[in-house]
Amino acid sequence: MTTSAQQNNDCFIETALHEGPVSISPLGWPADCGAECIFLGRTRLESHPKRGLLQRIIYHTYHEMAETKLNEIAIAASQKFPIRAIRIIHAHGPVPPSHASVLIQTATPHRSESFAATKFVIDTLKHAVPIWKQEIWADNSSTWVKGCIAHDLDEHGQSQDPNHDPDQHRHHTPPLDLPYNP
């Protein structure tokens, strides 16, 4: 796992790329926080009509840029919301169904801020971090999950495409043919 931890003003920031599935760990608890929001994104068990059951997703990353982007997102969130602590960890490599591939934890004084900050982080991460998903099916075939296009975002990290549906990124080749980078 490649981890970056820092103190940015009054906010503790930790970001990391983690080999394989991620898990929750205690977040240093700031005394002035009454809320911690934990988002754990998991690989869904899916069935393809011709390929069978999903066996795993392999997350391919452009490591250096992904690490930089995760840190930039954490800093942006800490500037936009009253976050006192934030952790963003994303998997790279294989993740089987029901296991977690992304963890976001935010600690804020109030729950509405923590919910909003966590939503901002996951939405921005999905659009800005160079991570590609390769699905491996029961018949050993693979498909690529289409990601969002970062240049279509506004200053709030929201897509400018009126047809954009973040839950429908399916089966397209990534922009670069990058090998798995452990």
Protein backbone atom coordinates (compact mmCIF):
# COMPACT_ATOMS: atom_id res chain seq x y z
CA MET A 1 0.00 0.00 0.00
CA THR A 2 1.26 3.45 -0.92
CA THR A 3 0.06 5.91 1.71
CA SER A 4 0.22 9.67 1.99
CA ALA A 5 -0.63 11.17 5.39
CA GLN A 6 -0.42 14.84 6.22
CA GLN A 7 -1.86 17.61 8.33
CA ASN A 8 -3.46 20.35 6.21
CA ASN A 9 -4.38 23.27 8.48
CA ASP A 10 -6.74 21.67 11.03
CA CYS A 11 -7.42 18.55 8.94
CA PHE A 12 -5.68 15.16 9.06
CA ILE A 13 -5.51 13.73 5.52
CA GLU A 14 -4.67 10.15 4.56
CA THR A 15 -4.82 8.80 1.00
CA ALA A 16 -3.62 5.48 -0.35
CA LEU A 17 -3.67 2.94 -3.13
CA HIS A 18 -4.02 -0.54 -1.64
CA GLU A 19 -3.22 -3.88 -3.25
CA GLY A 20 -6.48 -5.86 -3.42
CA PRO A 21 -9.59 -5.28 -1.29
CA VAL A 22 -9.70 -2.44 1.24
CA SER A 23 -11.10 -2.47 4.77
CA ILE A 24 -12.19 -0.01 7.44
CA SER A 25 -9.73 1.04 10.12
CA PRO A 26 -10.21 3.52 12.97
CA LEU A 27 -9.99 7.17 11.99
CA GLY A 28 -8.23 9.45 14.48
CA TRP A 29 -11.17 11.12 16.17
CA PRO A 30 -11.02 14.92 16.39
CA ALA A 31 -12.61 16.15 19.64
CA ASP A 32 -14.79 18.76 17.91
CA CYS A 33 -16.42 16.27 15.54
CA GLY A 34 -19.85 14.79 16.10
CA ALA A 35 -20.07 12.94 12.79
CA GLU A 36 -18.08 10.39 10.86
CA CYS A 37 -19.34 9.23 7.49
CA ILE A 38 -17.94 5.97 6.15
CA PHE A 39 -18.47 5.01 2.51
CA LEU A 40 -17.36 1.54 1.48
CA GLY A 41 -17.76 0.77 -2.23
CA ARG A 42 -17.99 -2.95 -2.98
CA THR A 43 -17.76 -5.07 -6.10
CA ARG A 44 -21.26 -6.29 -6.97
CA LEU A 45 -21.86 -9.89 -7.99
CA GLU A 46 -23.17 -9.59 -11.53
CA SER A 47 -24.18 -12.06 -14.17
CA HIS A 48 -23.47 -11.57 -17.86
CA PRO A 49 -25.91 -13.37 -20.20
CA LYS A 50 -23.09 -14.89 -22.28
CA ARG A 51 -20.03 -14.75 -20.01
CA GLY A 52 -21.49 -16.03 -16.72
CA LEU A 53 -20.87 -14.72 -13.21
CA LEU A 54 -18.38 -11.98 -12.44
CA GLN A 55 -15.27 -13.50 -10.84
CA ARG A 56 -13.38 -10.31 -9.99
CA ILE A 57 -12.61 -6.78 -11.09
CA ILE A 58 -9.00 -5.89 -11.71
CA TYR A 59 -8.33 -2.23 -10.97
CA HIS A 60 -5.60 -0.84 -13.21
CA THR A 61 -4.02 2.41 -12.05
CA TYR A 62 -1.67 5.06 -13.29
CA HIS A 63 -0.03 5.05 -9.85
CA GLU A 64 1.75 8.37 -9.68
CA MET A 65 -1.16 10.36 -11.06
CA ALA A 66 -3.75 8.41 -9.03
CA GLU A 67 -1.85 9.11 -5.79
CA THR A 68 -1.61 12.81 -6.67
CA LYS A 69 -5.31 13.03 -7.58
CA LEU A 70 -6.45 11.26 -4.39
CA ASN A 71 -4.45 13.75 -2.34
CA GLU A 72 -5.77 16.71 -4.35
CA ILE A 73 -9.35 15.52 -3.81
CA ALA A 74 -8.78 15.21 -0.06
CA ILE A 75 -7.32 18.72 0.10
CA ALA A 76 -10.17 20.14 -2.02
CA ALA A 77 -12.74 18.47 0.25
CA SER A 78 -11.00 19.85 3.36
CA GLN A 79 -11.17 23.35 1.87
CA LYS A 80 -14.81 23.04 0.76
CA PHE A 81 -16.19 21.38 3.94
CA PRO A 82 -15.31 21.67 7.66
CA ILE A 83 -13.52 18.31 7.65
CA ARG A 84 -11.18 17.58 10.56
CA ALA A 85 -10.07 14.17 9.28
CA ILE A 86 -10.38 12.42 5.91
CA ARG A 87 -9.22 9.07 4.58
CA ILE A 88 -9.47 7.95 0.95
CA ILE A 89 -8.20 4.47 0.07
CA HIS A 90 -8.72 2.83 -3.31
CA ALA A 91 -7.86 -0.70 -4.38
CA HIS A 92 -5.64 -1.63 -7.28
CA GLY A 93 -5.31 -5.15 -8.55
CA PRO A 94 -7.97 -7.86 -8.22
CA VAL A 95 -11.07 -7.45 -6.03
CA PRO A 96 -13.67 -10.28 -5.93
CA PRO A 97 -17.43 -9.71 -5.59
CA SER A 98 -18.66 -8.58 -2.15
CA HIS A 99 -15.22 -7.17 -1.26
CA ALA A 100 -14.54 -3.44 -0.96
CA SER A 101 -12.58 -1.47 -3.54
CA VAL A 102 -12.89 2.06 -2.12
CA LEU A 103 -13.05 3.50 1.40
CA ILE A 104 -13.87 7.11 2.21
CA GLN A 105 -14.06 8.34 5.80
CA THR A 106 -14.78 11.93 6.78
CA ALA A 107 -15.04 13.46 10.26
CA THR A 108 -16.89 16.78 10.63
CA PRO A 109 -18.67 18.70 13.39
CA HIS A 110 -22.15 17.80 12.01
CA ARG A 111 -23.59 14.91 9.99
CA SER A 112 -24.89 16.92 7.02
CA GLU A 113 -21.35 18.21 6.36
CA SER A 114 -19.89 14.72 6.59
CA PHE A 115 -22.49 13.27 4.19
CA ALA A 116 -21.95 16.12 1.72
CA ALA A 117 -18.15 15.85 1.93
CA THR A 118 -18.21 12.09 1.38
CA LYS A 119 -20.51 12.45 -1.64
CA PHE A 120 -18.23 15.14 -3.07
CA VAL A 121 -15.20 12.87 -2.64
CA ILE A 122 -16.70 9.76 -4.29
CA ASP A 123 -18.22 11.76 -7.16
CA THR A 124 -14.94 13.58 -7.80
CA LEU A 125 -12.86 10.41 -7.45
CA LYS A 126 -14.98 8.58 -10.04
CA HIS A 127 -14.38 11.38 -12.54
CA ALA A 128 -10.80 12.46 -11.87
CA VAL A 129 -8.64 9.55 -10.72
CA PRO A 130 -6.99 7.41 -13.45
CA ILE A 131 -8.28 4.00 -12.41
CA TRP A 132 -9.75 1.56 -14.92
CA LYS A 133 -11.89 -1.50 -14.14
CA GLN A 134 -11.41 -4.76 -16.01
CA GLU A 135 -14.14 -7.31 -15.32
CA ILE A 136 -13.16 -10.99 -15.38
CA TRP A 137 -16.05 -13.37 -16.03
CA ALA A 138 -16.66 -17.09 -15.39
CA ASP A 139 -15.67 -17.98 -18.98
CA ASN A 140 -12.30 -16.20 -18.41
CA SER A 141 -13.23 -13.42 -20.82
CA SER A 142 -12.91 -9.80 -19.79
CA THR A 143 -14.71 -6.52 -20.40
CA TRP A 144 -13.78 -2.96 -19.48
CA VAL A 145 -16.04 -0.63 -17.52
CA LYS A 146 -16.40 2.78 -19.11
CA GLY A 147 -15.39 5.58 -16.76
CA CYS A 148 -16.36 9.23 -16.74
CA ILE A 149 -14.55 11.82 -18.81
CA ALA A 150 -12.76 14.26 -16.50
CA HIS A 151 -12.80 17.16 -18.96
CA ASP A 152 -16.63 17.15 -18.95
CA LEU A 153 -16.77 18.31 -15.31
CA ASP A 154 -17.69 21.72 -13.98
CA GLU A 155 -15.92 23.48 -11.09
CA HIS A 156 -17.98 21.42 -8.60
CA GLY A 157 -16.91 18.07 -10.06
CA GLN A 158 -20.30 17.49 -11.71
CA SER A 159 -20.68 16.15 -15.24
CA GLN A 160 -21.76 18.61 -17.90
CA ASP A 161 -23.16 15.79 -20.04
CA PRO A 162 -26.98 15.82 -19.67
CA ASN A 163 -27.07 12.08 -20.46
CA HIS A 164 -24.46 11.20 -17.81
CA ASP A 165 -25.53 8.39 -15.48
CA PRO A 166 -22.74 7.44 -13.03
CA ASP A 167 -24.37 4.06 -12.38
CA GLN A 168 -24.26 3.03 -16.04
CA HIS A 169 -20.53 2.94 -16.82
CA ARG A 170 -20.38 -0.38 -18.61
CA HIS A 171 -18.19 -2.46 -20.92
CA HIS A 172 -15.91 -0.18 -22.88
CA THR A 173 -12.19 -0.18 -23.51
CA PRO A 174 -10.15 2.22 -21.32
CA PRO A 175 -8.42 5.15 -22.99
CA LEU A 176 -4.99 3.53 -22.62
CA ASP A 177 -3.97 -0.09 -22.68
CA LEU A 178 -2.10 -0.04 -19.37
CA PRO A 179 -0.72 -3.21 -17.82
CA TYR A 180 -1.65 -4.08 -14.25
CA ASN A 181 0.63 -2.02 -11.99
CA PRO A 182 1.11 -3.73 -8.60
